[in-house]
């Protein structure tokens, strides 16, 4: 499945679900102590009419300040989607689903 980024007289530009997932995964991974939660439902990205909204489920390292990590994830994901997909990001909703032991 793919999502339309641009549609006009010159043609259509689409992005696959796999590419969207990779953009978001790398943005989350760039935040120390955070990762996308493993499992069936961990990420949802909606793209429509030049706007984006993401819903993420995270695993965060135990001992980290959850609001700080979550805010950093929101900022990095919004920036990555805006830059790479040329969309206005309306929201990045984050749920912390797991805490991971320090290694």
Protein backbone atom coordinates (compact mmCIF):
# COMPACT_ATOMS: atom_id res chain seq x y z
CA UNK A 1 0.00 0.00 0.00
CA UNK A 2 1.20 3.52 -0.67
CA UNK A 3 0.15 7.06 0.15
CA UNK A 4 -0.09 9.96 -2.28
CA UNK A 5 2.26 12.86 -1.49
CA UNK A 6 1.71 14.95 -4.62
CA UNK A 7 -0.90 14.67 -7.33
CA UNK A 8 -1.12 17.08 -10.19
CA UNK A 9 -0.77 17.71 -13.89
CA UNK A 10 2.81 16.42 -13.91
CA UNK A 11 1.88 13.10 -12.32
CA UNK A 12 1.67 11.53 -8.91
CA UNK A 13 4.27 10.98 -6.21
CA UNK A 14 3.55 8.14 -3.77
CA UNK A 15 5.37 6.82 -0.73
CA UNK A 16 5.02 3.23 0.45
CA UNK A 17 4.01 2.21 3.96
CA UNK A 18 7.45 0.60 4.31
CA UNK A 19 9.18 3.89 3.45
CA UNK A 20 6.99 5.83 5.92
CA UNK A 21 7.73 3.27 8.61
CA UNK A 22 11.47 3.57 7.96
CA UNK A 23 11.37 7.38 8.15
CA UNK A 24 9.60 7.22 11.50
CA UNK A 25 11.70 4.31 12.83
CA UNK A 26 14.95 6.15 12.15
CA UNK A 27 13.63 9.37 13.70
CA UNK A 28 12.62 7.50 16.86
CA UNK A 29 15.94 5.66 16.98
CA UNK A 30 17.78 8.99 16.93
CA UNK A 31 16.38 9.72 20.41
CA UNK A 32 18.52 8.17 23.14
CA UNK A 33 16.51 5.70 25.22
CA UNK A 34 13.57 5.30 22.81
CA UNK A 35 12.55 2.78 20.19
CA UNK A 36 9.37 1.75 18.45
CA UNK A 37 7.66 -1.01 20.36
CA UNK A 38 7.86 -4.43 18.77
CA UNK A 39 4.61 -6.09 17.92
CA UNK A 40 1.66 -5.89 15.61
CA UNK A 41 0.48 -2.34 16.20
CA UNK A 42 3.31 0.05 16.92
CA UNK A 43 3.00 2.78 14.31
CA UNK A 44 0.34 4.50 12.26
CA UNK A 45 0.90 7.37 9.85
CA UNK A 46 -1.89 9.15 8.02
CA UNK A 47 -1.12 11.35 5.03
CA UNK A 48 -3.84 13.38 3.33
CA UNK A 49 -3.97 16.68 1.47
CA UNK A 50 -0.47 17.76 2.46
CA UNK A 51 -0.97 16.98 6.15
CA UNK A 52 0.34 14.17 8.32
CA UNK A 53 -0.55 12.66 11.66
CA UNK A 54 1.39 9.86 13.39
CA UNK A 55 0.51 7.53 16.24
CA UNK A 56 3.42 5.71 17.87
CA UNK A 57 3.86 3.14 20.59
CA UNK A 58 7.24 3.29 22.25
CA UNK A 59 9.52 1.33 24.47
CA UNK A 60 11.59 3.64 26.67
CA UNK A 61 14.65 2.83 28.77
CA UNK A 62 13.87 2.53 32.48
CA UNK A 63 15.01 5.56 34.44
CA UNK A 64 14.49 8.03 31.61
CA UNK A 65 12.12 10.95 32.10
CA UNK A 66 9.13 9.82 30.04
CA UNK A 67 7.76 13.28 29.09
CA UNK A 68 11.24 14.40 27.94
CA UNK A 69 11.85 11.31 25.81
CA UNK A 70 8.33 11.48 24.38
CA UNK A 71 8.65 15.17 23.50
CA UNK A 72 12.01 14.51 21.79
CA UNK A 73 10.43 11.68 19.77
CA UNK A 74 7.52 13.91 18.76
CA UNK A 75 9.90 16.64 17.60
CA UNK A 76 12.19 14.32 15.63
CA UNK A 77 9.34 12.43 13.94
CA UNK A 78 7.53 15.66 13.00
CA UNK A 79 10.74 17.12 11.59
CA UNK A 80 11.55 13.99 9.57
CA UNK A 81 8.05 13.73 8.08
CA UNK A 82 7.94 17.45 7.28
CA UNK A 83 11.38 17.44 5.63
CA UNK A 84 11.19 14.17 3.73
CA UNK A 85 7.52 14.15 2.72
CA UNK A 86 6.97 17.92 2.45
CA UNK A 87 3.84 17.81 4.61
CA UNK A 88 2.50 19.84 7.51
CA UNK A 89 2.55 17.60 10.58
CA UNK A 90 -0.60 18.12 12.61
CA UNK A 91 0.29 15.79 15.48
CA UNK A 92 2.57 13.02 16.64
CA UNK A 93 0.74 11.08 19.34
CA UNK A 94 2.99 8.98 21.55
CA UNK A 95 2.09 6.20 23.98
CA UNK A 96 4.79 4.65 26.16
CA UNK A 97 3.87 0.96 26.19
CA UNK A 98 7.03 -0.61 27.62
CA UNK A 99 9.93 0.18 29.88
CA UNK A 100 13.20 -1.54 29.09
CA UNK A 101 15.88 -2.54 31.54
CA UNK A 102 19.17 -0.71 31.31
CA UNK A 103 21.83 -2.80 29.59
